Amino acid sequence: MALYSGICLAVLYGLIATTAAQADMKDSCHWKCLEFAQLWPGSFCMTFLKVPCRIPKHVDGWTIHGLWPDGKTGCNRTWKLTQKDIDDLQVDLHHYWPSLVKKDAFKFWQDEWYKHGTCGACADSMSCPHKYFSLVLELRTKFSIDASLSAAGIKPSCNNSYTYEHFHSALFYLGTDINLQCYIYKEQQILMQIKIPLSKDLSVGCHPHEENFSKSYYKPCTNKSEIYLYPFTPHPRHPCS
């Protein structure tokens, strides 16, 4: 493992020394916080009206959306993800980080590596593709939203809703800065995504400038009305029709 880590770092620093793009990448290391985002497939496909969206049969819970350094995207165009980089991780990636709108999951992971992974590569915990994707899978296990909501009695349903406070109480161990994001459908708040802010040392909690984070498709859930967690169904665009 130490040898492999050394190789990762050697490749990284070698590229930095030889390309202008990598020189720019040094500037991307000034980020302060990370966002670890998980999404709920039972609601996610509702937002795609023109693009095919599907939930793979093996997916049965919250999935990974991404791990994003604060305010940085696309830090190195030349560092491409290859199949060999994550060959031993792909079974878990298909299960916990599937592509719901792209047929080719590997292309989806390539995009995540280019947009976000390369921006975190200055940190030892993410210094090469294998480390980055391994870390994301570890965070998915560490921050198990499925288990936390189930323990709090929050279960997917078309008829039962829950208060904003109920969700926050169930996820208290993620800190007070977690961001519950909803999609408004027929005047109902539908829980879509949960963003967990992390410090550079991967501890829970960080206070970035919110405008620096990537723009979201969804709005923060509010305590003005209850929140629904829609179930998985064979008709992902209309789970409760």
C-alpha atoms as a PDB file:
ATOM      1  CA  MET A   1       0.000   0.000   0.000  1.00  0.00           C
ATOM      2  CA  ALA A   2       2.839   2.408   0.866  1.00  0.00           C
ATOM      3  CA  LEU A   3       4.529   1.628  -2.445  1.00  0.00           C
ATOM      4  CA  TYR A   4       1.289   2.211  -4.335  1.00  0.00           C
ATOM      5  CA  SER A   5       0.740   5.525  -2.542  1.00  0.00           C
ATOM      6  CA  GLY A   6       4.264   6.540  -3.424  1.00  0.00           C
ATOM      7  CA  ILE A   7       3.630   5.750  -7.076  1.00  0.00           C
ATOM      8  CA  CYS A   8       0.433   7.804  -7.043  1.00  0.00           C
ATOM      9  CA  LEU A   9       2.239  10.801  -5.612  1.00  0.00           C
ATOM     10  CA  ALA A  10       5.167  10.372  -7.967  1.00  0.00           C
ATOM     11  CA  VAL A  11       2.865  10.384 -10.976  1.00  0.00           C
ATOM     12  CA  LEU A  12       1.000  13.421  -9.652  1.00  0.00           C
ATOM     13  CA  TYR A  13       4.107  15.500  -8.995  1.00  0.00           C
ATOM     14  CA  GLY A  14       5.690  14.394 -12.256  1.00  0.00           C
ATOM     15  CA  LEU A  15       2.704  15.657 -14.198  1.00  0.00           C
ATOM     16  CA  ILE A  16       2.683  18.925 -12.268  1.00  0.00           C
ATOM     17  CA  ALA A  17       6.279  19.494 -13.245  1.00  0.00           C
ATOM     18  CA  THR A  18       5.740  18.831 -16.924  1.00  0.00           C
ATOM     19  CA  THR A  19       2.487  20.527 -17.931  1.00  0.00           C
ATOM     20  CA  ALA A  20       1.044  23.995 -17.622  1.00  0.00           C
ATOM     21  CA  ALA A  21      -2.339  22.459 -16.787  1.00  0.00           C
ATOM     22  CA  GLN A  22      -0.835  20.816 -13.734  1.00  0.00           C
ATOM     23  CA  ALA A  23       0.743  24.090 -12.692  1.00  0.00           C
ATOM     24  CA  ASP A  24      -2.752  25.532 -12.601  1.00  0.00           C
ATOM     25  CA  MET A  25      -3.793  22.539 -10.532  1.00  0.00           C
ATOM     26  CA  LYS A  26      -1.588  23.749  -7.679  1.00  0.00           C
ATOM     27  CA  ASP A  27      -3.928  26.698  -7.304  1.00  0.00           C
ATOM     28  CA  SER A  28      -6.848  24.297  -6.847  1.00  0.00           C
ATOM     29  CA  CYS A  29      -5.327  23.098  -3.578  1.00  0.00           C
ATOM     30  CA  HIS A  30      -6.489  26.204  -1.741  1.00  0.00           C
ATOM     31  CA  TRP A  31      -9.982  24.809  -1.175  1.00  0.00           C
ATOM     32  CA  LYS A  32     -11.116  24.679   2.424  1.00  0.00           C
ATOM     33  CA  CYS A  33     -14.072  22.292   2.498  1.00  0.00           C
ATOM     34  CA  LEU A  34     -15.585  19.319   0.720  1.00  0.00           C
ATOM     35  CA  GLU A  35     -19.191  18.434   0.012  1.00  0.00           C
ATOM     36  CA  PHE A  36     -20.133  14.777   0.130  1.00  0.00           C
ATOM     37  CA  ALA A  37     -23.486  14.433  -1.622  1.00  0.00           C
ATOM     38  CA  GLN A  38     -25.831  11.454  -1.580  1.00  0.00           C
ATOM     39  CA  LEU A  39     -29.060  11.335  -3.576  1.00  0.00           C
ATOM     40  CA  TRP A  40     -32.298   9.383  -3.304  1.00  0.00           C
ATOM     41  CA  PRO A  41     -33.022   7.553  -6.593  1.00  0.00           C
ATOM     42  CA  GLY A  42     -36.698   7.196  -5.688  1.00  0.00           C
ATOM     43  CA  SER A  43     -37.081  10.942  -6.244  1.00  0.00           C
ATOM     44  CA  PHE A  44     -34.170  11.753  -8.533  1.00  0.00           C
ATOM     45  CA  CYS A  45     -35.699  10.497 -11.780  1.00  0.00           C
ATOM     46  CA  MET A  46     -38.737  12.730 -11.316  1.00  0.00           C
ATOM     47  CA  THR A  47     -36.668  15.715 -12.413  1.00  0.00           C
ATOM     48  CA  PHE A  48     -35.662  14.258 -15.789  1.00  0.00           C
ATOM     49  CA  LEU A  49     -38.438  14.807 -18.304  1.00  0.00           C
ATOM     50  CA  LYS A  50     -36.468  14.656 -21.552  1.00  0.00           C
ATOM     51  CA  VAL A  51     -33.495  12.498 -20.543  1.00  0.00           C
ATOM     52  CA  PRO A  52     -33.996   8.761 -19.862  1.00  0.00           C
ATOM     53  CA  CYS A  53     -33.555   7.962 -16.175  1.00  0.00           C
ATOM     54  CA  ARG A  54     -33.586   4.516 -14.617  1.00  0.00           C
ATOM     55  CA  ILE A  55     -32.852   2.880 -11.281  1.00  0.00           C
ATOM     56  CA  PRO A  56     -30.750  -0.292 -11.707  1.00  0.00           C
ATOM     57  CA  LYS A  57     -32.319  -3.363 -10.105  1.00  0.00           C
ATOM     58  CA  HIS A  58     -29.393  -3.843  -7.735  1.00  0.00           C
ATOM     59  CA  VAL A  59     -29.738  -0.325  -6.277  1.00  0.00           C
ATOM     60  CA  ASP A  60     -31.764  -0.360  -3.077  1.00  0.00           C
ATOM     61  CA  GLY A  61     -30.862   2.776  -1.137  1.00  0.00           C
ATOM     62  CA  TRP A  62     -29.149   6.154  -1.100  1.00  0.00           C
ATOM     63  CA  THR A  63     -26.481   6.471  -3.767  1.00  0.00           C
ATOM     64  CA  ILE A  64     -23.434   8.669  -4.106  1.00  0.00           C
ATOM     65  CA  HIS A  65     -23.701  11.849  -6.120  1.00  0.00           C
ATOM     66  CA  GLY A  66     -20.149  13.014  -5.576  1.00  0.00           C
ATOM     67  CA  LEU A  67     -17.338  14.350  -3.419  1.00  0.00           C
ATOM     68  CA  TRP A  68     -16.635  17.948  -4.381  1.00  0.00           C
ATOM     69  CA  PRO A  69     -13.848  20.294  -3.251  1.00  0.00           C
ATOM     70  CA  ASP A  70     -15.107  23.767  -2.396  1.00  0.00           C
ATOM     71  CA  GLY A  71     -15.494  25.958  -5.460  1.00  0.00           C
ATOM     72  CA  LYS A  72     -13.176  23.982  -7.747  1.00  0.00           C
ATOM     73  CA  THR A  73     -14.005  22.051 -10.918  1.00  0.00           C
ATOM     74  CA  GLY A  74     -12.036  20.568 -13.805  1.00  0.00           C
ATOM     75  CA  CYS A  75      -8.571  21.164 -12.396  1.00  0.00           C
ATOM     76  CA  ASN A  76      -6.602  18.931 -14.773  1.00  0.00           C
ATOM     77  CA  ARG A  77      -7.726  18.091 -18.289  1.00  0.00           C
ATOM     78  CA  THR A  78      -4.785  15.792 -18.964  1.00  0.00           C
ATOM     79  CA  TRP A  79      -5.210  13.349 -16.080  1.00  0.00           C
ATOM     80  CA  LYS A  80      -7.664  10.786 -17.451  1.00  0.00           C
ATOM     81  CA  LEU A  81      -9.359   8.026 -15.484  1.00  0.00           C
ATOM     82  CA  THR A  82      -8.708   4.543 -16.884  1.00  0.00           C
ATOM     83  CA  GLN A  83     -10.436   1.235 -16.253  1.00  0.00           C
ATOM     84  CA  LYS A  84      -7.262  -0.078 -14.637  1.00  0.00           C
ATOM     85  CA  ASP A  85      -7.326   2.721 -12.048  1.00  0.00           C
ATOM     86  CA  ILE A  86     -10.514   1.429 -10.422  1.00  0.00           C
ATOM     87  CA  ASP A  87     -10.796  -2.137 -11.678  1.00  0.00           C
ATOM     88  CA  ASP A  88     -11.063  -3.647  -8.184  1.00  0.00           C
ATOM     89  CA  LEU A  89     -13.660  -1.064  -7.102  1.00  0.00           C
ATOM     90  CA  GLN A  90     -16.175  -1.328  -9.912  1.00  0.00           C
ATOM     91  CA  VAL A  91     -18.528  -3.833  -8.277  1.00  0.00           C
ATOM     92  CA  ASP A  92     -19.029  -1.469  -5.330  1.00  0.00           C
ATOM     93  CA  LEU A  93     -19.146   1.579  -7.577  1.00  0.00           C
ATOM     94  CA  HIS A  94     -21.949   0.063  -9.662  1.00  0.00           C
ATOM     95  CA  HIS A  95     -23.906  -0.575  -6.480  1.00  0.00           C
ATOM     96  CA  TYR A  96     -23.271   2.617  -4.512  1.00  0.00           C
ATOM     97  CA  TRP A  97     -22.317   5.135  -7.224  1.00  0.00           C
ATOM     98  CA  PRO A  98     -24.345   4.130 -10.287  1.00  0.00           C
ATOM     99  CA  SER A  99     -25.209   6.318 -13.195  1.00  0.00           C
ATOM    100  CA  LEU A 100     -28.960   6.832 -13.347  1.00  0.00           C
ATOM    101  CA  VAL A 101     -29.012   8.861 -16.572  1.00  0.00           C
ATOM    102  CA  LYS A 102     -26.024   7.557 -18.523  1.00  0.00           C
ATOM    103  CA  LYS A 103     -25.886   4.052 -19.949  1.00  0.00           C
ATOM    104  CA  ASP A 104     -22.124   3.930 -19.557  1.00  0.00           C
ATOM    105  CA  ALA A 105     -21.315   4.176 -15.853  1.00  0.00           C
ATOM    106  CA  PHE A 106     -17.588   4.418 -16.509  1.00  0.00           C
ATOM    107  CA  LYS A 107     -18.064   7.626 -18.492  1.00  0.00           C
ATOM    108  CA  PHE A 108     -19.985   9.015 -15.539  1.00  0.00           C
ATOM    109  CA  TRP A 109     -17.077   8.169 -13.207  1.00  0.00           C
ATOM    110  CA  GLN A 110     -14.653   9.693 -15.691  1.00  0.00           C
ATOM    111  CA  ASP A 111     -16.629  12.937 -15.515  1.00  0.00           C
ATOM    112  CA  GLU A 112     -16.598  12.881 -11.704  1.00  0.00           C
ATOM    113  CA  TRP A 113     -12.846  12.333 -11.651  1.00  0.00           C
ATOM    114  CA  TYR A 114     -12.187  15.140 -14.115  1.00  0.00           C
ATOM    115  CA  LYS A 115     -14.607  17.636 -12.573  1.00  0.00           C
ATOM    116  CA  HIS A 116     -13.909  16.955  -8.908  1.00  0.00           C
ATOM    117  CA  GLY A 117     -11.332  14.250  -8.277  1.00  0.00           C
ATOM    118  CA  THR A 118      -8.503  16.123  -9.957  1.00  0.00           C
ATOM    119  CA  CYS A 119      -9.249  19.114  -7.734  1.00  0.00           C
ATOM    120  CA  GLY A 120      -8.817  17.036  -4.591  1.00  0.00           C
ATOM    121  CA  ALA A 121      -5.673  15.235  -5.738  1.00  0.00           C
ATOM    122  CA  CYS A 122      -3.385  17.585  -3.827  1.00  0.00           C
ATOM    123  CA  ALA A 123      -4.665  15.955  -0.613  1.00  0.00           C
ATOM    124  CA  ASP A 124      -2.974  12.678   0.295  1.00  0.00           C
ATOM    125  CA  SER A 125      -6.326  10.964   0.847  1.00  0.00           C
ATOM    126  CA  MET A 126      -7.260  11.664  -2.801  1.00  0.00           C
ATOM    127  CA  SER A 127      -3.878  11.812  -4.498  1.00  0.00           C
ATOM    128  CA  CYS A 128      -4.764   9.433  -7.337  1.00  0.00           C
ATOM    129  CA  PRO A 129      -7.944   7.998  -8.873  1.00  0.00           C
ATOM    130  CA  HIS A 130      -7.910   4.792  -6.831  1.00  0.00           C
ATOM    131  CA  LYS A 131      -7.609   6.731  -3.579  1.00  0.00           C
ATOM    132  CA  TYR A 132     -10.337   9.169  -4.559  1.00  0.00           C
ATOM    133  CA  PHE A 133     -12.912   6.520  -5.452  1.00  0.00           C
ATOM    134  CA  SER A 134     -11.952   4.335  -2.481  1.00  0.00           C
ATOM    135  CA  LEU A 135     -12.444   7.296  -0.167  1.00  0.00           C
ATOM    136  CA  VAL A 136     -15.879   8.083  -1.572  1.00  0.00           C
ATOM    137  CA  LEU A 137     -16.988   4.484  -1.032  1.00  0.00           C
ATOM    138  CA  GLU A 138     -15.649   4.607   2.537  1.00  0.00           C
ATOM    139  CA  LEU A 139     -17.620   7.786   3.216  1.00  0.00           C
ATOM    140  CA  ARG A 140     -20.789   6.145   1.887  1.00  0.00           C
ATOM    141  CA  THR A 141     -20.310   3.368   4.472  1.00  0.00           C
ATOM    142  CA  LYS A 142     -19.378   5.770   7.261  1.00  0.00           C
ATOM    143  CA  PHE A 143     -22.323   8.088   6.634  1.00  0.00           C
ATOM    144  CA  SER A 144     -25.076   5.528   6.105  1.00  0.00           C
ATOM    145  CA  ILE A 145     -28.188   7.608   5.577  1.00  0.00           C
ATOM    146  CA  ASP A 146     -30.257   4.475   4.948  1.00  0.00           C
ATOM    147  CA  ALA A 147     -29.506   3.053   8.386  1.00  0.00           C
ATOM    148  CA  SER A 148     -29.953   6.380  10.177  1.00  0.00           C
ATOM    149  CA  LEU A 149     -33.358   7.153   8.681  1.00  0.00           C
ATOM    150  CA  SER A 150     -34.586   3.608   9.206  1.00  0.00           C
ATOM    151  CA  ALA A 151     -33.535   3.702  12.865  1.00  0.00           C
ATOM    152  CA  ALA A 152     -35.529   6.918  13.254  1.00  0.00           C
ATOM    153  CA  GLY A 153     -38.642   5.324  11.758  1.00  0.00           C
ATOM    154  CA  ILE A 154     -38.405   7.251   8.492  1.00  0.00           C
ATOM    155  CA  LYS A 155     -39.408   4.959   5.648  1.00  0.00           C
ATOM    156  CA  PRO A 156     -40.138   5.586   1.967  1.00  0.00           C
ATOM    157  CA  SER A 157     -43.833   6.221   1.393  1.00  0.00           C
ATOM    158  CA  CYS A 158     -46.213   8.009  -0.945  1.00  0.00           C
ATOM    159  CA  ASN A 159     -48.622   8.742   1.888  1.00  0.00           C
ATOM    160  CA  ASN A 160     -46.569   9.382   5.017  1.00  0.00           C
ATOM    161  CA  SER A 161     -44.485  12.513   5.425  1.00  0.00           C
ATOM    162  CA  TYR A 162     -42.053  13.667   8.095  1.00  0.00           C
ATOM    163  CA  THR A 163     -41.038  16.957   9.636  1.00  0.00           C
ATOM    164  CA  TYR A 164     -37.847  18.781   8.812  1.00  0.00           C
ATOM    165  CA  GLU A 165     -36.838  18.399  12.453  1.00  0.00           C
ATOM    166  CA  HIS A 166     -37.401  14.624  12.294  1.00  0.00           C
ATOM    167  CA  PHE A 167     -34.875  14.304   9.477  1.00  0.00           C
ATOM    168  CA  HIS A 168     -32.327  16.529  11.195  1.00  0.00           C
ATOM    169  CA  SER A 169     -32.706  14.593  14.432  1.00  0.00           C
ATOM    170  CA  ALA A 170     -32.100  11.305  12.590  1.00  0.00           C
ATOM    171  CA  LEU A 171     -28.943  12.710  10.999  1.00  0.00           C
ATOM    172  CA  PHE A 172     -27.596  14.609  14.019  1.00  0.00           C
ATOM    173  CA  TYR A 173     -24.233  12.834  13.832  1.00  0.00           C
ATOM    174  CA  LEU A 174     -23.582  14.557  10.493  1.00  0.00           C
ATOM    175  CA  GLY A 175     -23.443  17.923  12.191  1.00  0.00           C
ATOM    176  CA  THR A 176     -25.673  20.975  12.100  1.00  0.00           C
ATOM    177  CA  ASP A 177     -24.547  22.137   8.660  1.00  0.00           C
ATOM    178  CA  ILE A 178     -25.975  19.299   6.582  1.00  0.00           C
ATOM    179  CA  ASN A 179     -28.027  20.497   3.645  1.00  0.00           C
ATOM    180  CA  LEU A 180     -31.297  18.674   2.960  1.00  0.00           C
ATOM    181  CA  GLN A 181     -32.370  19.428  -0.605  1.00  0.00           C
ATOM    182  CA  CYS A 182     -35.873  19.014  -1.964  1.00  0.00           C
ATOM    183  CA  TYR A 183     -37.795  19.065  -5.218  1.00  0.00           C
ATOM    184  CA  ILE A 184     -41.247  20.666  -5.141  1.00  0.00           C
ATOM    185  CA  TYR A 185     -43.870  18.459  -6.739  1.00  0.00           C
ATOM    186  CA  LYS A 186     -47.578  19.297  -6.527  1.00  0.00           C
ATOM    187  CA  GLU A 187     -46.801  21.597  -3.585  1.00  0.00           C
ATOM    188  CA  GLN A 188     -45.078  18.770  -1.715  1.00  0.00           C
ATOM    189  CA  GLN A 189     -41.460  18.808  -0.573  1.00  0.00           C
ATOM    190  CA  ILE A 190     -39.777  15.685  -1.969  1.00  0.00           C
ATOM    191  CA  LEU A 191     -36.403  14.861  -0.414  1.00  0.00           C
ATOM    192  CA  MET A 192     -33.893  14.523  -3.216  1.00  0.00           C
ATOM    193  CA  GLN A 193     -30.374  14.951  -1.912  1.00  0.00           C
ATOM    194  CA  ILE A 194     -28.337  15.375   1.256  1.00  0.00           C
ATOM    195  CA  LYS A 195     -25.052  17.267   1.255  1.00  0.00           C
ATOM    196  CA  ILE A 196     -22.604  16.721   4.097  1.00  0.00           C
ATOM    197  CA  PRO A 197     -19.891  19.386   4.543  1.00  0.00           C
ATOM    198  CA  LEU A 198     -16.479  18.015   5.473  1.00  0.00           C
ATOM    199  CA  SER A 199     -13.246  19.676   6.486  1.00  0.00           C
ATOM    200  CA  LYS A 200     -10.028  18.955   4.646  1.00  0.00           C
ATOM    201  CA  ASP A 201      -9.164  16.331   7.277  1.00  0.00           C
ATOM    202  CA  LEU A 202     -12.524  14.651   6.465  1.00  0.00           C
ATOM    203  CA  SER A 203     -14.082  15.494   9.820  1.00  0.00           C
ATOM    204  CA  VAL A 204     -17.771  16.452   9.788  1.00  0.00           C
ATOM    205  CA  GLY A 205     -18.503  20.146   9.656  1.00  0.00           C
ATOM    206  CA  CYS A 206     -17.038  22.990   7.659  1.00  0.00           C
ATOM    207  CA  HIS A 207     -18.112  26.554   6.937  1.00  0.00           C
ATOM    208  CA  PRO A 208     -17.368  27.430   3.327  1.00  0.00           C
ATOM    209  CA  HIS A 209     -18.608  30.431   1.452  1.00  0.00           C
ATOM    210  CA  GLU A 210     -21.844  28.940   0.137  1.00  0.00           C
ATOM    211  CA  GLU A 211     -21.515  30.724  -3.181  1.00  0.00           C
ATOM    212  CA  ASN A 212     -18.271  28.851  -3.820  1.00  0.00           C
ATOM    213  CA  PHE A 213     -19.968  25.474  -3.924  1.00  0.00           C
ATOM    214  CA  SER A 214     -21.264  24.125  -7.210  1.00  0.00           C
ATOM    215  CA  LYS A 215     -24.794  25.231  -8.023  1.00  0.00           C
ATOM    216  CA  SER A 216     -27.437  22.692  -7.174  1.00  0.00           C
ATOM    217  CA  TYR A 217     -30.457  21.573  -9.167  1.00  0.00           C
ATOM    218  CA  TYR A 218     -32.474  21.486  -5.963  1.00  0.00           C
ATOM    219  CA  LYS A 219     -33.462  23.937  -3.262  1.00  0.00           C
ATOM    220  CA  PRO A 220     -32.885  23.549   0.473  1.00  0.00           C
ATOM    221  CA  CYS A 221     -35.807  21.856   2.206  1.00  0.00           C
ATOM    222  CA  THR A 222     -37.605  24.081   4.702  1.00  0.00           C
ATOM    223  CA  ASN A 223     -39.532  23.528   7.912  1.00  0.00           C
ATOM    224  CA  LYS A 224     -42.615  25.247   6.466  1.00  0.00           C
ATOM    225  CA  SER A 225     -44.128  21.937   5.333  1.00  0.00           C
ATOM    226  CA  GLU A 226     -43.490  18.248   5.865  1.00  0.00           C
ATOM    227  CA  ILE A 227     -41.114  16.257   3.676  1.00  0.00           C
ATOM    228  CA  TYR A 228     -41.806  13.126   1.645  1.00  0.00           C
ATOM    229  CA  LEU A 229     -39.378  10.324   0.873  1.00  0.00           C
ATOM    230  CA  TYR A 230     -40.838   8.616  -2.189  1.00  0.00           C
ATOM    231  CA  PRO A 231     -40.350   4.852  -2.656  1.00  0.00           C
ATOM    232  CA  PHE A 232     -38.608   3.080  -5.521  1.00  0.00           C
ATOM    233  CA  THR A 233     -41.124   1.914  -8.142  1.00  0.00           C
ATOM    234  CA  PRO A 234     -41.005   0.449 -11.675  1.00  0.00           C
ATOM    235  CA  HIS A 235     -41.994   3.915 -12.900  1.00  0.00           C
ATOM    236  CA  PRO A 236     -39.219   6.160 -11.549  1.00  0.00           C
ATOM    237  CA  ARG A 237     -40.540   9.369 -13.140  1.00  0.00           C
ATOM    238  CA  HIS A 238     -43.917   8.951 -11.453  1.00  0.00           C
ATOM    239  CA  PRO A 239     -43.241   6.925  -8.296  1.00  0.00           C
ATOM    240  CA  CYS A 240     -46.546   7.791  -6.640  1.00  0.00           C
ATOM    241  CA  SER A 241     -48.916   8.020  -9.587  1.00  0.00           C
END
